[in-house]
Amino acid sequence: MNKTELIESIATKTEMTKTDVDKVVTALVDVVTEALANGDKVSLKGFGNFEVRTRSGRMGRNPKTGEVMEISASKVPAFKASSTLKKAVNK
């Protein structure tokens, strides 16, 4: 499901206009992105948690040349599904 399909599905379920739903979905993405950029955790009960995890630096290999190279540490967004969501998916 892409963003357009998500907006259509929500609009159908809530009887809101697609324009209004698009604004809400866009705002949700913006707020979650901003919170993660600030190092905060976003928790949606019954759905899951969005957080930033630190990936440590390591040595890697260029697949094309085989040359050993250093991969620097980085921060990555992560999502952990709630037990409610996991149960719904595994029905």
Protein backbone atom coordinates (compact mmCIF):
# COMPACT_ATOMS: atom_id res chain seq x y z
CA MET A 1 0.00 0.00 0.00
CA ASN A 2 1.43 3.37 -0.97
CA LYS A 3 0.56 6.81 0.42
CA THR A 4 -2.24 7.42 -2.10
CA GLU A 5 -3.89 4.09 -1.32
CA LEU A 6 -3.52 4.75 2.40
CA ILE A 7 -5.20 8.15 2.04
CA GLU A 8 -8.07 6.65 0.02
CA SER A 9 -8.59 3.88 2.59
CA ILE A 10 -8.61 6.28 5.54
CA ALA A 11 -10.93 8.70 3.72
CA THR A 12 -13.38 5.85 3.08
CA LYS A 13 -13.32 4.64 6.69
CA THR A 14 -13.60 8.09 8.27
CA GLU A 15 -15.82 9.76 5.65
CA MET A 16 -13.32 12.64 5.53
CA THR A 17 -12.19 14.21 2.27
CA LYS A 18 -9.01 12.92 0.66
CA THR A 19 -7.53 16.43 0.93
CA ASP A 20 -8.07 16.52 4.70
CA VAL A 21 -6.69 13.01 5.16
CA ASP A 22 -3.66 13.90 3.03
CA LYS A 23 -2.97 16.87 5.33
CA VAL A 24 -3.24 14.63 8.41
CA VAL A 25 -1.00 11.88 7.00
CA THR A 26 1.58 14.43 5.83
CA ALA A 27 1.51 16.13 9.24
CA LEU A 28 1.95 12.77 10.99
CA VAL A 29 5.00 11.94 8.88
CA ASP A 30 6.45 15.42 9.49
CA VAL A 31 5.91 15.25 13.26
CA VAL A 32 7.42 11.75 13.55
CA THR A 33 10.38 12.78 11.39
CA GLU A 34 10.99 15.91 13.45
CA ALA A 35 10.75 14.00 16.74
CA LEU A 36 13.23 11.37 15.56
CA ALA A 37 15.59 14.05 14.27
CA ASN A 38 15.54 15.56 17.77
CA GLY A 39 16.36 12.18 19.31
CA ASP A 40 12.88 11.61 20.75
CA LYS A 41 10.91 8.36 20.70
CA VAL A 42 7.38 8.24 19.25
CA SER A 43 5.07 5.69 20.86
CA LEU A 44 1.66 4.79 19.40
CA LYS A 45 -0.14 2.43 21.77
CA GLY A 46 -1.41 -0.65 19.98
CA PHE A 47 0.76 0.07 16.93
CA GLY A 48 4.42 0.38 17.92
CA ASN A 49 7.39 2.61 18.67
CA PHE A 50 9.55 4.70 16.39
CA GLU A 51 13.03 5.45 17.71
CA VAL A 52 16.55 6.31 16.64
CA ARG A 53 19.21 3.64 17.07
CA THR A 54 22.95 4.14 16.80
CA ARG A 55 24.77 1.88 14.41
CA SER A 56 28.44 1.55 15.33
CA GLY A 57 31.24 2.02 12.86
CA ARG A 58 32.75 -1.07 11.27
CA MET A 59 35.00 -2.29 8.52
CA GLY A 60 33.33 -3.25 5.27
CA ARG A 61 34.26 -4.28 1.78
CA ASN A 62 33.47 -2.59 -1.53
CA PRO A 63 31.58 -5.32 -3.43
CA LYS A 64 32.81 -4.07 -6.79
CA THR A 65 36.54 -3.81 -6.05
CA GLY A 66 36.91 -5.91 -2.91
CA GLU A 67 38.72 -3.01 -1.24
CA VAL A 68 38.44 -2.85 2.55
CA MET A 69 36.88 0.40 3.74
CA GLU A 70 35.71 1.95 6.98
CA ILE A 71 31.97 2.44 7.42
CA SER A 72 31.40 5.26 9.89
CA ALA A 73 28.93 5.17 12.77
CA SER A 74 25.45 6.47 12.01
CA LYS A 75 22.00 6.93 13.45
CA VAL A 76 19.13 5.03 11.85
CA PRO A 77 15.36 5.23 12.36
CA ALA A 78 13.83 2.02 13.69
CA PHE A 79 10.32 0.73 14.28
CA LYS A 80 9.31 -1.91 16.82
CA ALA A 81 5.80 -3.29 16.41
CA SER A 82 3.55 -3.67 19.45
CA SER A 83 2.33 -7.09 20.53
CA THR A 84 -1.18 -6.07 19.42
CA LEU A 85 0.05 -5.36 15.87
CA LYS A 86 2.08 -8.58 15.80
CA LYS A 87 -0.97 -10.61 16.84
CA ALA A 88 -3.13 -8.95 14.16
CA VAL A 89 -0.58 -9.74 11.46
CA ASN A 90 -0.18 -13.37 12.57
CA LYS A 91 -3.89 -14.29 12.60
